Amino acid sequence: MTTARFSATPTTDDPASSSRPLTERLAASTWAFAVPTAWLAAPIPQLRIGDSVDLLAVRQGDRPLALPIAADLRVMDTDDRIVVLEVDELSATAIATARASGLLIVPLLRSAH
């Protein structure tokens, strides 16, 4: 597995800026979910606070499978070891279930356009 260095340069005008407490930056009825980068099957290139990612769960082997498990998750914080994502209950459950089932988690960085 390849690892990548994640960096973020928040600004004070950014609603996801880390200058505000995380609890104040989360939308209503959402949670912060810290995903260890070791859980990811691939690094996320040039990931920044405020970016949006989708996650796929992938099974390799005789019966390969790929399923979307979470979409449009906002990046709240990131470093070399974790990516903190803003998730709702369904996304949190899907990510945890995929991990507990031994599926690979493939992150997809969404376009800003």
N, C-alpha and C. Protein backbone atom coordinates (compact mmCIF):
# COMPACT_ATOMS: atom_id res chain seq x y z
N MET A 1 0.83 -1.16 0.00
CA MET A 1 0.00 0.00 0.00
C MET A 1 0.88 1.24 0.00
N THR A 2 0.50 2.24 -0.75
CA THR A 2 1.21 3.49 -0.82
C THR A 2 0.57 4.48 0.14
N THR A 3 1.38 5.23 0.82
CA THR A 3 0.83 6.26 1.69
C THR A 3 1.20 7.62 1.13
N ALA A 4 0.42 8.60 1.46
CA ALA A 4 0.67 9.95 0.97
C ALA A 4 0.58 10.93 2.12
N ARG A 5 1.26 12.01 1.97
CA ARG A 5 1.19 13.06 2.98
C ARG A 5 0.01 13.96 2.65
N PHE A 6 -0.86 14.14 3.62
CA PHE A 6 -2.02 15.00 3.44
C PHE A 6 -1.69 16.34 4.07
N SER A 7 -2.09 17.39 3.42
CA SER A 7 -1.87 18.71 4.00
C SER A 7 -3.10 19.56 3.78
N ALA A 8 -3.28 20.51 4.66
CA ALA A 8 -4.41 21.41 4.54
C ALA A 8 -3.99 22.78 5.02
N THR A 9 -4.45 23.80 4.33
CA THR A 9 -4.16 25.15 4.71
C THR A 9 -5.47 25.90 4.85
N PRO A 10 -6.12 25.81 6.02
CA PRO A 10 -7.40 26.46 6.19
C PRO A 10 -7.25 27.97 6.26
N THR A 11 -8.28 28.68 5.88
CA THR A 11 -8.31 30.13 6.03
C THR A 11 -9.43 30.47 6.99
N THR A 12 -9.37 31.67 7.56
CA THR A 12 -10.40 32.06 8.51
C THR A 12 -11.74 32.27 7.84
N ASP A 13 -11.79 32.53 6.53
CA ASP A 13 -13.05 32.70 5.81
C ASP A 13 -13.69 31.37 5.47
N ASP A 14 -12.96 30.30 5.57
CA ASP A 14 -13.44 28.96 5.22
C ASP A 14 -14.37 28.45 6.32
N PRO A 15 -15.63 28.05 5.96
CA PRO A 15 -16.53 27.54 7.00
C PRO A 15 -16.02 26.27 7.66
N ALA A 16 -15.12 25.55 6.99
CA ALA A 16 -14.55 24.34 7.58
C ALA A 16 -13.23 24.64 8.29
N SER A 17 -12.89 25.91 8.42
CA SER A 17 -11.62 26.31 9.01
C SER A 17 -11.41 25.69 10.38
N SER A 18 -10.21 25.17 10.59
CA SER A 18 -9.91 24.53 11.87
C SER A 18 -9.72 25.54 12.99
N SER A 19 -9.86 26.84 12.71
CA SER A 19 -9.77 27.83 13.78
C SER A 19 -11.01 27.79 14.68
N ARG A 20 -12.10 27.22 14.17
CA ARG A 20 -13.32 27.04 14.98
C ARG A 20 -13.33 25.63 15.53
N PRO A 21 -13.94 25.42 16.71
CA PRO A 21 -14.04 24.06 17.26
C PRO A 21 -14.78 23.15 16.28
N LEU A 22 -14.36 21.90 16.24
CA LEU A 22 -14.97 20.94 15.33
C LEU A 22 -16.47 20.83 15.54
N THR A 23 -16.92 20.85 16.78
CA THR A 23 -18.36 20.73 17.06
C THR A 23 -19.16 21.87 16.44
N GLU A 24 -18.55 23.04 16.29
CA GLU A 24 -19.23 24.18 15.68
C GLU A 24 -19.20 24.12 14.15
N ARG A 25 -18.26 23.37 13.60
CA ARG A 25 -18.14 23.27 12.14
C ARG A 25 -19.02 22.18 11.55
N LEU A 26 -19.47 21.23 12.38
CA LEU A 26 -20.32 20.15 11.89
C LEU A 26 -21.74 20.65 11.65
N ALA A 27 -22.35 20.18 10.56
CA ALA A 27 -23.75 20.50 10.28
C ALA A 27 -24.64 19.78 11.29
N ALA A 28 -25.88 20.23 11.41
CA ALA A 28 -26.83 19.58 12.32
C ALA A 28 -27.01 18.12 11.94
N SER A 29 -27.16 17.28 12.93
CA SER A 29 -27.40 15.83 12.74
C SER A 29 -26.26 15.13 12.00
N THR A 30 -25.04 15.60 12.20
CA THR A 30 -23.87 14.93 11.64
C THR A 30 -22.85 14.69 12.75
N TRP A 31 -21.88 13.85 12.44
CA TRP A 31 -20.83 13.49 13.38
C TRP A 31 -19.48 13.57 12.69
N ALA A 32 -18.44 13.69 13.48
CA ALA A 32 -17.07 13.61 12.97
C ALA A 32 -16.64 12.15 13.06
N PHE A 33 -16.18 11.60 11.96
CA PHE A 33 -15.74 10.20 11.90
C PHE A 33 -14.27 10.23 11.47
N ALA A 34 -13.39 9.80 12.37
CA ALA A 34 -11.95 9.77 12.07
C ALA A 34 -11.62 8.45 11.39
N VAL A 35 -11.28 8.53 10.12
CA VAL A 35 -10.92 7.35 9.33
C VAL A 35 -9.39 7.26 9.28
N PRO A 36 -8.81 6.24 9.87
CA PRO A 36 -7.35 6.09 9.76
C PRO A 36 -6.96 5.89 8.29
N THR A 37 -5.89 6.54 7.86
CA THR A 37 -5.45 6.38 6.47
C THR A 37 -5.06 4.93 6.18
N ALA A 38 -4.73 4.16 7.21
CA ALA A 38 -4.41 2.74 7.03
C ALA A 38 -5.63 1.95 6.55
N TRP A 39 -6.84 2.46 6.77
CA TRP A 39 -8.05 1.79 6.30
C TRP A 39 -8.26 1.97 4.80
N LEU A 40 -7.60 2.97 4.21
CA LEU A 40 -7.83 3.31 2.82
C LEU A 40 -6.95 2.49 1.89
N ALA A 41 -7.55 1.98 0.83
CA ALA A 41 -6.81 1.15 -0.14
C ALA A 41 -5.91 1.99 -1.03
N ALA A 42 -6.15 3.30 -1.07
CA ALA A 42 -5.35 4.20 -1.89
C ALA A 42 -5.30 5.56 -1.19
N PRO A 43 -4.23 6.30 -1.42
CA PRO A 43 -4.16 7.64 -0.83
C PRO A 43 -5.12 8.58 -1.56
N ILE A 44 -5.49 9.66 -0.90
CA ILE A 44 -6.33 10.68 -1.53
C ILE A 44 -5.40 11.82 -1.94
N PRO A 45 -5.26 12.07 -3.24
CA PRO A 45 -4.31 13.08 -3.70
C PRO A 45 -4.73 14.50 -3.32
N GLN A 46 -3.80 15.26 -2.80
CA GLN A 46 -3.97 16.68 -2.51
C GLN A 46 -5.23 16.99 -1.71
N LEU A 47 -5.51 16.19 -0.71
CA LEU A 47 -6.71 16.37 0.11
C LEU A 47 -6.56 17.59 1.00
N ARG A 48 -7.64 18.38 1.08
CA ARG A 48 -7.64 19.60 1.90
C ARG A 48 -8.92 19.69 2.71
N ILE A 49 -8.85 20.41 3.79
CA ILE A 49 -10.04 20.68 4.59
C ILE A 49 -11.07 21.37 3.70
N GLY A 50 -12.32 20.91 3.79
CA GLY A 50 -13.40 21.47 2.98
C GLY A 50 -13.67 20.67 1.72
N ASP A 51 -12.72 19.81 1.31
CA ASP A 51 -12.94 18.95 0.14
C ASP A 51 -14.07 17.97 0.43
N SER A 52 -14.57 17.37 -0.63
CA SER A 52 -15.63 16.37 -0.51
C SER A 52 -15.14 15.06 -1.11
N VAL A 53 -15.43 13.96 -0.43
CA VAL A 53 -15.02 12.64 -0.91
C VAL A 53 -16.20 11.67 -0.92
N ASP A 54 -16.11 10.69 -1.80
CA ASP A 54 -17.02 9.55 -1.82
C ASP A 54 -16.19 8.34 -1.42
N LEU A 55 -16.83 7.32 -0.87
CA LEU A 55 -16.13 6.10 -0.49
C LEU A 55 -16.79 4.89 -1.14
N LEU A 56 -15.95 4.01 -1.67
CA LEU A 56 -16.39 2.72 -2.21
C LEU A 56 -15.86 1.63 -1.30
N ALA A 57 -16.63 0.55 -1.16
CA ALA A 57 -16.15 -0.65 -0.47
C ALA A 57 -15.89 -1.69 -1.54
N VAL A 58 -14.72 -2.32 -1.49
CA VAL A 58 -14.30 -3.24 -2.55
C VAL A 58 -13.88 -4.57 -1.94
N ARG A 59 -14.35 -5.64 -2.58
CA ARG A 59 -13.91 -6.99 -2.20
C ARG A 59 -13.16 -7.56 -3.40
N GLN A 60 -11.98 -8.11 -3.13
CA GLN A 60 -11.18 -8.74 -4.16
C GLN A 60 -11.38 -10.25 -4.09
N GLY A 61 -10.86 -10.96 -5.08
CA GLY A 61 -10.89 -12.41 -5.03
C GLY A 61 -11.77 -13.02 -6.09
N ASP A 62 -12.29 -14.22 -5.78
CA ASP A 62 -13.10 -14.98 -6.74
C ASP A 62 -14.40 -14.27 -7.09
N ARG A 63 -14.97 -13.57 -6.14
CA ARG A 63 -16.23 -12.85 -6.38
C ARG A 63 -16.03 -11.37 -6.07
N PRO A 64 -15.34 -10.65 -6.96
CA PRO A 64 -15.07 -9.24 -6.69
C PRO A 64 -16.36 -8.42 -6.66
N LEU A 65 -16.32 -7.36 -5.89
CA LEU A 65 -17.49 -6.52 -5.69
C LEU A 65 -17.04 -5.11 -5.38
N ALA A 66 -17.76 -4.12 -5.87
CA ALA A 66 -17.52 -2.72 -5.52
C ALA A 66 -18.86 -2.06 -5.25
N LEU A 67 -18.99 -1.44 -4.09
CA LEU A 67 -20.24 -0.81 -3.69
C LEU A 67 -19.98 0.61 -3.18
N PRO A 68 -20.79 1.57 -3.60
CA PRO A 68 -20.68 2.89 -2.98
C PRO A 68 -21.22 2.81 -1.55
N ILE A 69 -20.45 3.30 -0.59
CA ILE A 69 -20.92 3.23 0.81
C ILE A 69 -21.20 4.60 1.41
N ALA A 70 -20.60 5.65 0.86
CA ALA A 70 -20.84 6.99 1.39
C ALA A 70 -20.51 8.01 0.31
N ALA A 71 -21.30 9.08 0.26
CA ALA A 71 -21.10 10.08 -0.79
C ALA A 71 -21.10 11.49 -0.21
N ASP A 72 -20.31 12.34 -0.85
CA ASP A 72 -20.29 13.76 -0.54
C ASP A 72 -19.98 14.02 0.93
N LEU A 73 -18.93 13.37 1.43
CA LEU A 73 -18.49 13.55 2.81
C LEU A 73 -17.49 14.70 2.86
N ARG A 74 -17.75 15.67 3.72
CA ARG A 74 -16.87 16.84 3.81
C ARG A 74 -15.68 16.53 4.71
N VAL A 75 -14.50 16.91 4.26
CA VAL A 75 -13.27 16.74 5.04
C VAL A 75 -13.19 17.86 6.07
N MET A 76 -13.16 17.46 7.34
CA MET A 76 -13.11 18.42 8.44
C MET A 76 -11.69 18.64 8.94
N ASP A 77 -10.84 17.63 8.79
CA ASP A 77 -9.45 17.71 9.22
C ASP A 77 -8.70 16.56 8.56
N THR A 78 -7.40 16.70 8.44
CA THR A 78 -6.60 15.64 7.84
C THR A 78 -5.14 15.79 8.23
N ASP A 79 -4.48 14.66 8.35
CA ASP A 79 -3.03 14.64 8.53
C ASP A 79 -2.51 13.32 7.97
N ASP A 80 -1.30 12.95 8.31
CA ASP A 80 -0.70 11.73 7.77
C ASP A 80 -1.41 10.46 8.21
N ARG A 81 -2.08 10.50 9.36
CA ARG A 81 -2.66 9.29 9.94
C ARG A 81 -4.17 9.17 9.84
N ILE A 82 -4.87 10.29 9.79
CA ILE A 82 -6.34 10.23 9.77
C ILE A 82 -6.93 11.25 8.80
N VAL A 83 -8.15 10.95 8.41
CA VAL A 83 -8.99 11.90 7.69
C VAL A 83 -10.28 11.99 8.49
N VAL A 84 -10.60 13.17 8.99
CA VAL A 84 -11.84 13.36 9.75
C VAL A 84 -12.91 13.81 8.77
N LEU A 85 -13.97 13.00 8.67
CA LEU A 85 -15.05 13.26 7.73
C LEU A 85 -16.33 13.61 8.48
N GLU A 86 -17.12 14.50 7.91
CA GLU A 86 -18.44 14.81 8.44
C GLU A 86 -19.40 13.78 7.85
N VAL A 87 -20.05 13.00 8.72
CA VAL A 87 -20.91 11.91 8.26
C VAL A 87 -22.27 11.97 8.93
N ASP A 88 -23.26 11.39 8.26
CA ASP A 88 -24.55 11.17 8.90
C ASP A 88 -24.57 9.75 9.44
N GLU A 89 -25.67 9.36 10.06
CA GLU A 89 -25.75 8.05 10.68
C GLU A 89 -25.58 6.91 9.68
N LEU A 90 -26.20 7.03 8.50
CA LEU A 90 -26.10 5.97 7.50
C LEU A 90 -24.67 5.81 6.98
N SER A 91 -24.00 6.92 6.73
CA SER A 91 -22.62 6.85 6.24
C SER A 91 -21.69 6.26 7.29
N ALA A 92 -21.85 6.68 8.54
CA ALA A 92 -21.02 6.15 9.62
C ALA A 92 -21.20 4.64 9.75
N THR A 93 -22.45 4.20 9.69
CA THR A 93 -22.74 2.77 9.79
C THR A 93 -22.16 2.01 8.61
N ALA A 94 -22.29 2.56 7.40
CA ALA A 94 -21.77 1.89 6.21
C ALA A 94 -20.25 1.77 6.24
N ILE A 95 -19.57 2.82 6.67
CA ILE A 95 -18.10 2.79 6.75
C ILE A 95 -17.65 1.76 7.78
N ALA A 96 -18.26 1.80 8.96
CA ALA A 96 -17.90 0.85 10.02
C ALA A 96 -18.20 -0.59 9.61
N THR A 97 -19.31 -0.81 8.94
CA THR A 97 -19.67 -2.16 8.50
C THR A 97 -18.70 -2.67 7.44
N ALA A 98 -18.34 -1.81 6.50
CA ALA A 98 -17.38 -2.21 5.46
C ALA A 98 -16.05 -2.58 6.09
N ARG A 99 -15.60 -1.79 7.02
CA ARG A 99 -14.32 -2.07 7.69
C ARG A 99 -14.40 -3.37 8.49
N ALA A 100 -15.47 -3.56 9.24
CA ALA A 100 -15.64 -4.77 10.04
C ALA A 100 -15.77 -6.02 9.18
N SER A 101 -16.25 -5.85 7.95
CA SER A 101 -16.41 -6.97 7.02
C SER A 101 -15.14 -7.28 6.25
N GLY A 102 -14.10 -6.52 6.48
CA GLY A 102 -12.83 -6.76 5.80
C GLY A 102 -12.77 -6.23 4.38
N LEU A 103 -13.70 -5.36 4.01
CA LEU A 103 -13.68 -4.79 2.66
C LEU A 103 -12.64 -3.68 2.59
N LEU A 104 -12.07 -3.50 1.42
CA LEU A 104 -11.16 -2.38 1.19
C LEU A 104 -11.99 -1.12 1.01
N ILE A 105 -11.51 -0.01 1.51
CA ILE A 105 -12.21 1.26 1.35
C ILE A 105 -11.42 2.12 0.37
N VAL A 106 -12.07 2.46 -0.73
CA VAL A 106 -11.44 3.25 -1.79
C VAL A 106 -12.03 4.66 -1.76
N PRO A 107 -11.19 5.67 -1.49
CA PRO A 107 -11.67 7.05 -1.47
C PRO A 107 -11.63 7.68 -2.86
N LEU A 108 -12.62 8.51 -3.14
CA LEU A 108 -12.68 9.24 -4.41
C LEU A 108 -12.83 10.73 -4.08
N LEU A 109 -11.91 11.54 -4.55
CA LEU A 109 -11.98 12.99 -4.33
C LEU A 109 -12.94 13.59 -5.34
N ARG A 110 -13.96 14.30 -4.85
CA ARG A 110 -14.96 14.92 -5.73
C ARG A 110 -14.43 16.20 -6.35
N SER A 111 -14.87 16.46 -7.56
CA SER A 111 -14.55 17.70 -8.25
C SER A 111 -15.20 18.88 -7.53
N ALA A 112 -14.56 20.02 -7.58
CA ALA A 112 -15.12 21.23 -7.00
C ALA A 112 -16.07 21.92 -7.97
N HIS A 113 -16.23 21.39 -9.18
CA HIS A 113 -17.10 22.01 -10.20
C HIS A 113 -18.42 21.30 -10.30
